[in-house]
């Protein structure tokens, strides 16, 4: 569910990107038809492109593009019916694509998305993009495997008691779940809304939410399970116009060395295509339109592959350290000691293969600190130290480097 303005901007952007790419592909398909290559499948492919453009343009009410795409579909239907493509058909298809390209280029420019949040009266939390802090919390919850819910309820309370009751309900939810956002936001609310929406995550099911809402004056409770893609725009894909949500995250196992090679190859591919564009600029001008389109499409695809690889090639230091307190508690329990972890983390991103090495190194240091550094409770009391023992793990952004420190307040490692 999205507000009209947010949805229209997003769909406009997706439509423009998709249509531009499909028009380029249509020229390539017509080139195959002219050469007589895979005529039947090429006609079907061109028809799918034209139909997709027409459907999206119709949804966005771009009449000129709809008519141009419909004309292209009509020619392709004739080719299907005749079971082949003549020279006249190829010329008609090229002219139709040119007309479609002209109609597309004549569309008014879409308003840019400046990142401003819609007002809170837009109707639902799902209309309001999460800020960076809340988005980070959302992604942390997803990595922990928690379930995402949108909770709606009505507060049947007198106006003067509405705000205190909202505080109570949200407080109960914060004890039972990880609350990401609320509508109204209590720091902005004037207490005149009796409808509460809460976006939250929980490790288990919705039972914990229902228990937290067992409060006087809470009525009309609705709990809706969500996919993370519903609120995390980076996880979105698929058909935005239809409202169908895709799988929000896919995990792929790959050898660390092979992953490094993938990153290097993606970077080298983009670099080589840029070199061709720069070094052979004059020769490229002599290429046919079809060859130039193939090169442009190859550049676009290489850039897209590179961006996708690198967008998924980094792990925040916060995500790297986040499991450590739980690990320390488990190790401490196994050794009969009382130990806690204190984390301190700058906004640092780590290349995944490097993060993989660092994770093992940090775990090794943490184990040593628990097993050998932190003393048993009796020894700490004798030495006048407080319990529990403390292991401090910090990541600092030092110029172009990340500095990682693991320290404890124990006796230290024994001399070799």
Protein backbone atom coordinates (compact mmCIF):
# COMPACT_ATOMS: atom_id res chain seq x y z
CA UNK A 1 0.00 0.00 0.00
CA UNK A 2 1.52 3.34 -1.03
CA UNK A 3 0.33 6.92 -1.11
CA UNK A 4 -0.66 8.14 -4.57
CA UNK A 5 2.28 10.54 -4.93
CA UNK A 6 4.92 8.02 -3.80
CA UNK A 7 3.47 5.22 -5.93
CA UNK A 8 3.15 7.44 -9.03
CA UNK A 9 6.75 8.64 -8.80
CA UNK A 10 8.06 5.13 -8.29
CA UNK A 11 5.99 3.63 -11.09
CA UNK A 12 6.96 6.47 -13.44
CA UNK A 13 10.62 5.82 -12.73
CA UNK A 14 10.28 2.07 -13.25
CA UNK A 15 8.22 2.56 -16.43
CA UNK A 16 10.79 4.91 -17.96
CA UNK A 17 13.71 2.60 -17.21
CA UNK A 18 11.89 -0.50 -18.44
CA UNK A 19 10.51 1.12 -21.59
CA UNK A 20 13.83 2.62 -22.61
CA UNK A 21 15.48 -0.80 -22.32
CA UNK A 22 12.63 -2.58 -24.15
CA UNK A 23 12.69 -0.13 -27.07
CA UNK A 24 16.41 -0.85 -27.49
CA UNK A 25 15.64 -4.57 -27.40
CA UNK A 26 12.85 -4.16 -29.96
CA UNK A 27 15.34 -2.72 -32.45
CA UNK A 28 17.59 -5.72 -31.87
CA UNK A 29 14.71 -8.17 -32.35
CA UNK A 30 13.71 -6.50 -35.65
CA UNK A 31 17.32 -6.90 -36.77
CA UNK A 32 17.02 -10.64 -36.12
CA UNK A 33 13.74 -10.75 -38.07
CA UNK A 34 15.37 -8.99 -41.01
CA UNK A 35 18.08 -11.69 -41.05
CA UNK A 36 15.47 -14.43 -40.73
CA UNK A 37 16.80 -15.64 -37.38
CA UNK A 38 14.37 -17.49 -35.06
CA UNK A 39 11.40 -15.78 -36.71
CA UNK A 40 8.64 -17.33 -34.59
CA UNK A 41 10.30 -16.77 -31.20
CA UNK A 42 11.47 -13.29 -32.24
CA UNK A 43 7.91 -12.24 -33.14
CA UNK A 44 6.70 -13.57 -29.78
CA UNK A 45 9.48 -11.75 -27.96
CA UNK A 46 8.75 -8.45 -29.71
CA UNK A 47 5.05 -8.86 -28.95
CA UNK A 48 5.80 -9.39 -25.24
CA UNK A 49 7.85 -6.19 -25.16
CA UNK A 50 5.16 -4.19 -26.94
CA UNK A 51 2.42 -5.63 -24.73
CA UNK A 52 4.40 -4.85 -21.54
CA UNK A 53 4.96 -1.25 -22.64
CA UNK A 54 1.29 -0.82 -23.54
CA UNK A 55 0.07 -2.33 -20.25
CA UNK A 56 2.30 -0.13 -18.09
CA UNK A 57 1.54 2.98 -20.16
CA UNK A 58 -2.19 2.27 -19.89
CA UNK A 59 -1.91 2.00 -16.11
CA UNK A 60 -0.11 5.37 -16.01
CA UNK A 61 -2.55 6.88 -18.54
CA UNK A 62 0.09 7.70 -21.19
CA UNK A 63 -2.31 7.63 -24.15
CA UNK A 64 0.21 8.41 -26.90
CA UNK A 65 2.49 5.55 -25.82
CA UNK A 66 -0.51 3.20 -25.55
CA UNK A 67 -1.55 3.97 -29.14
CA UNK A 68 1.99 3.58 -30.49
CA UNK A 69 2.46 0.25 -28.70
CA UNK A 70 -0.95 -0.92 -29.94
CA UNK A 71 0.08 -0.13 -33.53
CA UNK A 72 3.23 -2.23 -33.05
CA UNK A 73 1.18 -5.10 -31.61
CA UNK A 74 -1.17 -4.96 -34.61
CA UNK A 75 1.72 -5.38 -37.07
CA UNK A 76 3.15 -8.26 -35.04
CA UNK A 77 -0.26 -9.99 -34.96
CA UNK A 78 -0.30 -9.87 -38.75
CA UNK A 79 3.16 -11.42 -38.88
CA UNK A 80 2.01 -14.17 -36.51
CA UNK A 81 -1.03 -14.89 -38.65
CA UNK A 82 1.06 -15.12 -41.84
CA UNK A 83 3.73 -17.20 -40.10
CA UNK A 84 6.56 -15.06 -41.37
CA UNK A 85 8.00 -11.58 -41.91
CA UNK A 86 8.39 -9.84 -45.26
CA UNK A 87 10.64 -6.92 -46.10
CA UNK A 88 7.57 -4.66 -45.92
CA UNK A 89 6.80 -6.02 -42.45
CA UNK A 90 10.33 -5.25 -41.27
CA UNK A 91 10.04 -1.68 -42.54
CA UNK A 92 6.61 -1.30 -40.91
CA UNK A 93 7.97 -2.64 -37.61
CA UNK A 94 10.92 -0.24 -37.69
CA UNK A 95 8.57 2.70 -38.36
CA UNK A 96 6.27 1.59 -35.54
CA UNK A 97 9.18 1.37 -33.10
CA UNK A 98 10.36 4.82 -34.17
CA UNK A 99 6.83 6.11 -33.51
CA UNK A 100 6.82 4.40 -30.11
CA UNK A 101 10.22 5.88 -29.29
CA UNK A 102 8.99 9.35 -30.30
CA UNK A 103 5.83 9.03 -28.17
CA UNK A 104 7.93 7.87 -25.22
CA UNK A 105 10.46 10.70 -25.62
CA UNK A 106 7.59 13.23 -25.73
CA UNK A 107 6.29 12.30 -22.28
CA UNK A 108 6.53 15.04 -19.65
CA UNK A 109 9.45 14.66 -17.26
CA UNK A 110 8.54 12.89 -14.03
CA UNK A 111 8.95 14.75 -10.80
CA UNK A 112 12.15 13.74 -9.02
CA UNK A 113 11.93 11.98 -5.70
CA UNK A 114 13.68 14.28 -3.23
CA UNK A 115 13.45 11.84 -0.35
CA UNK A 116 11.02 13.96 1.63
CA UNK A 117 8.63 11.99 3.78
CA UNK A 118 4.92 12.26 3.18
CA UNK A 119 2.92 13.80 5.91
CA UNK A 120 1.73 11.45 8.63
CA UNK A 121 -1.89 11.92 7.55
CA UNK A 122 -1.29 9.90 4.37
CA UNK A 123 -3.30 7.05 5.84
CA UNK A 124 -0.93 4.28 6.83
CA UNK A 125 2.60 3.56 7.99
CA UNK A 126 3.17 1.78 4.70
CA UNK A 127 2.78 5.18 3.00
CA UNK A 128 5.71 6.62 4.95
CA UNK A 129 9.25 5.61 3.89
CA UNK A 130 11.44 4.59 6.81
CA UNK A 131 14.33 6.88 7.67
CA UNK A 132 17.87 5.49 7.72
CA UNK A 133 17.83 4.61 11.43
CA UNK A 134 14.55 2.70 11.21
CA UNK A 135 15.60 1.07 7.96
CA UNK A 136 18.77 -0.20 9.63
CA UNK A 137 16.71 -1.64 12.50
CA UNK A 138 14.40 -3.29 9.98
CA UNK A 139 17.29 -4.97 8.18
CA UNK A 140 18.82 -6.09 11.47
CA UNK A 141 15.50 -7.78 12.34
CA UNK A 142 15.40 -9.45 8.94
CA UNK A 143 18.91 -10.84 9.46
CA UNK A 144 17.82 -12.22 12.84
CA UNK A 145 14.99 -14.06 11.09
CA UNK A 146 12.20 -12.17 12.85
CA UNK A 147 8.70 -11.83 11.41
CA UNK A 148 7.37 -8.44 10.36
CA UNK A 149 3.88 -7.24 11.32
CA UNK A 150 1.72 -4.18 10.87
CA UNK A 151 -0.58 -3.76 13.89
CA UNK A 152 -3.71 -1.61 13.81
CA UNK A 153 -6.07 -0.92 16.68
CA UNK A 154 -8.48 1.72 17.94
CA UNK A 155 -8.21 3.39 21.34
CA UNK A 156 -11.72 3.87 22.79
CA UNK A 157 -10.75 6.55 25.28
CA UNK A 158 -11.73 10.07 26.21
CA UNK A 159 -9.69 12.72 24.36
CA UNK A 160 -7.81 13.83 27.48
CA UNK A 161 -6.79 10.21 28.20
CA UNK A 162 -5.90 9.27 24.64
CA UNK A 163 -2.20 10.15 24.74
CA UNK A 164 -1.51 8.33 28.06
CA UNK A 165 -3.27 5.24 26.71
CA UNK A 166 -1.22 5.37 23.50
CA UNK A 167 1.96 5.54 25.58
CA UNK A 168 0.83 2.51 27.57
CA UNK A 169 -0.02 0.41 24.50
CA UNK A 170 3.20 1.29 22.68
CA UNK A 171 5.18 0.64 25.86
CA UNK A 172 3.65 -2.84 26.11
CA UNK A 173 4.52 -3.54 22.48
CA UNK A 174 8.09 -2.34 22.97
CA UNK A 175 8.51 -4.87 25.78
CA UNK A 176 7.21 -7.74 23.64
CA UNK A 177 8.48 -6.78 20.16
CA UNK A 178 10.97 -4.63 18.31
CA UNK A 179 8.93 -1.52 17.45
CA UNK A 180 10.21 0.12 14.26
CA UNK A 181 7.67 2.92 13.83
CA UNK A 182 4.27 4.11 15.02
CA UNK A 183 1.50 6.25 13.59
CA UNK A 184 0.92 8.65 15.22
CA UNK A 185 4.47 9.16 16.42
CA UNK A 186 4.17 10.15 20.04
CA UNK A 187 6.87 12.80 19.82
CA UNK A 188 4.85 14.52 17.07
CA UNK A 189 1.26 13.64 18.00
CA UNK A 190 -1.15 16.13 19.44
CA UNK A 191 -3.25 13.29 20.83
CA UNK A 192 -6.24 13.72 18.52
CA UNK A 193 -6.07 10.36 16.72
CA UNK A 194 -7.75 7.31 18.20
CA UNK A 195 -6.29 4.91 15.62
CA UNK A 196 -2.85 3.45 16.27
CA UNK A 197 -0.61 1.69 13.76
CA UNK A 198 2.62 0.00 14.80
CA UNK A 199 5.25 -1.57 12.57
CA UNK A 200 7.14 -4.19 14.56
CA UNK A 201 9.11 -7.42 14.37
CA UNK A 202 9.03 -10.44 16.66
CA UNK A 203 11.10 -13.64 16.82
CA UNK A 204 7.96 -15.80 17.05
CA UNK A 205 4.37 -15.39 15.95
CA UNK A 206 1.69 -12.82 16.61
CA UNK A 207 0.72 -14.24 20.03
CA UNK A 208 3.19 -11.93 21.77
CA UNK A 209 1.56 -8.96 20.02
CA UNK A 210 -1.93 -9.98 21.07
CA UNK A 211 -0.84 -10.37 24.70
CA UNK A 212 0.72 -6.90 24.64
CA UNK A 213 -2.57 -5.44 23.37
CA UNK A 214 -4.66 -6.93 26.18
CA UNK A 215 -5.23 -3.47 27.64
CA UNK A 216 -8.46 -1.69 28.53
CA UNK A 217 -9.90 0.50 25.78
CA UNK A 218 -7.99 -1.27 22.97
CA UNK A 219 -10.48 -2.37 20.32
CA UNK A 220 -10.68 -3.50 16.68
CA UNK A 221 -7.26 -5.14 16.69
CA UNK A 222 -5.86 -6.13 13.28
CA UNK A 223 -2.49 -7.86 12.88
CA UNK A 224 -1.15 -8.13 9.35
CA UNK A 225 1.93 -10.21 8.50
CA UNK A 226 4.15 -8.46 5.96
CA UNK A 227 6.99 -9.33 3.65
CA UNK A 228 10.06 -7.18 4.31
CA UNK A 229 9.87 -5.99 0.70
CA UNK A 230 6.64 -4.18 1.59
CA UNK A 231 8.58 -1.54 3.53
CA UNK A 232 12.18 -1.93 2.36
CA UNK A 233 12.40 -0.40 -1.12
CA UNK A 234 15.81 -1.95 -1.80
CA UNK A 235 14.26 -5.38 -1.47
CA UNK A 236 11.45 -4.59 -3.90
CA UNK A 237 11.09 -5.94 -7.37
CA UNK A 238 8.51 -7.60 -9.57
CA UNK A 239 5.35 -5.91 -10.80
CA UNK A 240 4.81 -2.75 -8.79
CA UNK A 241 1.61 -1.94 -10.62
CA UNK A 242 -0.01 -5.21 -9.62
CA UNK A 243 1.08 -4.91 -6.02
CA UNK A 244 2.62 -8.37 -6.05
CA UNK A 245 5.52 -8.62 -3.63
CA UNK A 246 8.57 -10.79 -4.35
CA UNK A 247 10.74 -12.82 -2.05
CA UNK A 248 12.51 -10.16 0.00
CA UNK A 249 15.90 -11.81 0.24
CA UNK A 250 17.77 -14.67 -1.41
CA UNK A 251 20.92 -16.19 0.07
CA UNK A 252 23.48 -17.73 -2.28
CA UNK A 253 26.44 -19.80 -1.13
CA UNK A 254 29.67 -19.05 -2.99
CA UNK A 255 33.31 -19.72 -2.27
CA UNK A 256 35.11 -16.64 -0.95
CA UNK A 257 37.78 -16.78 -3.66
CA UNK A 258 35.16 -17.17 -6.38
CA UNK A 259 33.23 -14.22 -4.93
CA UNK A 260 36.36 -12.06 -5.07
CA UNK A 261 36.83 -13.14 -8.69
CA UNK A 262 33.21 -12.23 -9.46
CA UNK A 263 33.74 -8.71 -8.10
CA UNK A 264 36.98 -8.31 -10.07
CA UNK A 265 35.43 -9.61 -13.29
CA UNK A 266 32.39 -7.30 -12.95
CA UNK A 267 34.70 -4.32 -12.47
CA UNK A 268 36.97 -5.35 -15.35
CA UNK A 269 34.02 -5.85 -17.71
CA UNK A 270 32.78 -2.30 -17.09
CA UNK A 271 36.32 -0.94 -17.42
CA UNK A 272 36.97 -2.70 -20.76
CA UNK A 273 33.72 -1.44 -22.29
CA UNK A 274 34.57 2.10 -21.22
CA UNK A 275 38.00 1.70 -22.79
CA UNK A 276 36.43 0.63 -26.07
CA UNK A 277 34.06 3.60 -25.97
CA UNK A 278 36.96 6.02 -25.32
CA UNK A 279 39.75 4.50 -27.40
CA UNK A 280 37.73 3.59 -30.47
CA UNK A 281 35.29 6.49 -30.52
CA UNK A 282 35.80 7.30 -34.21
CA UNK A 283 35.51 3.68 -35.38
CA UNK A 284 32.33 3.24 -33.36
CA UNK A 285 30.65 6.00 -35.33
CA UNK A 286 30.88 3.82 -38.44
CA UNK A 287 28.97 0.94 -36.86
CA UNK A 288 25.40 0.20 -37.86
CA UNK A 289 22.62 1.38 -35.58
CA UNK A 290 22.03 -2.20 -34.50
CA UNK A 291 25.69 -2.68 -33.49
CA UNK A 292 25.69 0.61 -31.63
CA UNK A 293 22.55 -0.48 -29.78
CA UNK A 294 24.17 -3.79 -28.90
CA UNK A 295 27.21 -1.99 -27.50
CA UNK A 296 25.05 0.48 -25.54
CA UNK A 297 22.96 -2.36 -24.15
CA UNK A 298 26.12 -4.28 -23.21
CA UNK A 299 27.42 -1.22 -21.36
CA UNK A 300 24.12 -0.81 -19.52
CA UNK A 301 23.99 -4.49 -18.57
CA UNK A 302 27.62 -4.47 -17.40
CA UNK A 303 26.96 -1.41 -15.29
CA UNK A 304 23.84 -3.01 -13.80
CA UNK A 305 25.74 -6.21 -13.00
CA UNK A 306 28.54 -4.22 -11.39
CA UNK A 307 26.15 -2.16 -9.28
CA UNK A 308 24.27 -5.28 -8.17
CA UNK A 309 27.47 -7.10 -7.21
CA UNK A 310 28.91 -4.19 -5.28
CA UNK A 311 25.62 -3.25 -3.62
CA UNK A 312 25.65 -6.74 -2.09
CA UNK A 313 29.39 -6.89 -1.45
CA UNK A 314 29.53 -5.01 1.83
CA UNK A 315 28.49 -5.72 5.38
CA UNK A 316 28.08 -3.01 7.99
CA UNK A 317 30.34 -3.35 11.01
CA UNK A 318 27.20 -3.18 13.13
CA UNK A 319 25.88 -6.34 11.46
CA UNK A 320 29.26 -8.03 11.97
CA UNK A 321 29.29 -7.32 15.71
CA UNK A 322 25.57 -7.67 16.45
CA UNK A 323 25.64 -11.44 17.32
CA UNK A 324 28.61 -11.10 19.72
CA UNK A 325 26.71 -10.32 22.97
CA UNK A 326 24.73 -13.54 22.58
CA UNK A 327 27.89 -15.51 21.78
CA UNK A 328 29.68 -14.06 24.82
CA UNK A 329 26.76 -14.96 27.11
CA UNK A 330 26.79 -18.53 25.83
CA UNK A 331 30.56 -18.89 26.24
CA UNK A 332 30.36 -17.39 29.72
CA UNK A 333 27.59 -19.80 30.70
CA UNK A 334 29.66 -22.75 29.44
CA UNK A 335 32.64 -21.66 31.58
CA UNK A 336 30.62 -20.72 34.66
CA UNK A 337 31.69 -17.08 34.45
CA UNK A 338 29.75 -13.81 34.31
CA UNK A 339 30.77 -11.86 31.23
CA UNK A 340 29.08 -9.24 29.07
CA UNK A 341 30.03 -7.66 25.76
CA UNK A 342 30.01 -3.93 25.12
CA UNK A 343 29.88 -2.89 21.48
CA UNK A 344 30.94 0.42 19.99
CA UNK A 345 30.69 0.87 16.28
CA UNK A 346 31.21 3.69 13.77
CA UNK A 347 29.38 3.72 10.46
CA UNK A 348 31.82 1.42 8.66
CA UNK A 349 31.18 -0.95 5.75
CA UNK A 350 33.39 -3.98 5.20
CA UNK A 351 34.04 -5.87 1.98
CA UNK A 352 32.38 -9.28 2.45
CA UNK A 353 35.49 -11.47 1.99
CA UNK A 354 37.32 -9.21 4.46
CA UNK A 355 34.39 -9.32 6.88
CA UNK A 356 34.46 -13.12 6.68
CA UNK A 357 38.11 -13.16 7.78
CA UNK A 358 37.52 -10.56 10.48
CA UNK A 359 34.55 -12.50 11.88
CA UNK A 360 36.77 -15.54 12.53
CA UNK A 361 39.54 -13.40 14.02
CA UNK A 362 37.17 -11.51 16.33
CA UNK A 363 35.51 -14.73 17.48
CA UNK A 364 38.93 -16.18 18.28
CA UNK A 365 39.85 -13.13 20.37
CA UNK A 366 36.48 -13.15 22.14
CA UNK A 367 36.84 -16.84 23.02
CA UNK A 368 40.33 -16.22 24.40
CA UNK A 369 39.03 -13.30 26.45
CA UNK A 370 36.25 -15.42 27.97
CA UNK A 371 38.32 -18.57 28.53
CA UNK A 372 41.65 -17.04 29.57
CA UNK A 373 41.29 -13.30 30.14
CA UNK A 374 38.25 -12.90 32.38
CA UNK A 375 38.80 -14.42 35.83
CA UNK A 376 36.31 -16.63 37.68
CA UNK A 377 34.00 -14.77 40.03
CA UNK A 378 36.03 -15.67 43.16
CA UNK A 379 39.24 -14.28 41.71
CA UNK A 380 37.54 -11.09 40.56
CA UNK A 381 36.09 -10.47 43.99
CA UNK A 382 39.49 -11.09 45.59
CA UNK A 383 41.05 -8.59 43.19
CA UNK A 384 38.35 -6.02 43.97
CA UNK A 385 36.91 -6.13 40.47
CA UNK A 386 33.26 -5.73 39.63
CA UNK A 387 31.15 -8.45 38.13
CA UNK A 388 30.42 -9.27 35.44
CA UNK A 389 33.64 -9.13 33.45
CA UNK A 390 33.51 -6.89 30.40
CA UNK A 391 34.75 -7.48 26.85
CA UNK A 392 34.78 -4.32 24.75
CA UNK A 393 34.64 -4.66 20.95
CA UNK A 394 34.97 -1.46 18.96
CA UNK A 395 35.16 -0.56 15.29
CA UNK A 396 36.45 2.89 14.46
CA UNK A 397 36.65 4.70 11.15
CA UNK A 398 40.22 5.96 10.99
CA UNK A 399 40.73 7.94 7.78
CA UNK A 400 40.62 5.33 5.00
CA UNK A 401 40.98 2.40 7.39
CA UNK A 402 38.81 0.53 9.87
CA UNK A 403 40.38 -0.02 13.29
CA UNK A 404 39.01 -2.96 15.27
CA UNK A 405 39.75 -3.35 18.98
CA UNK A 406 38.95 -6.26 21.30
CA UNK A 407 39.81 -5.66 24.96
CA UNK A 408 38.75 -7.10 28.32
CA UNK A 409 39.12 -6.06 31.96
CA UNK A 410 40.51 -9.44 33.05
CA UNK A 411 43.95 -10.58 34.09
CA UNK A 412 45.19 -10.90 30.53
CA UNK A 413 46.78 -13.86 28.84
CA UNK A 414 49.47 -15.79 30.77
CA UNK A 415 53.09 -15.29 29.76
CA UNK A 416 54.28 -17.88 27.25
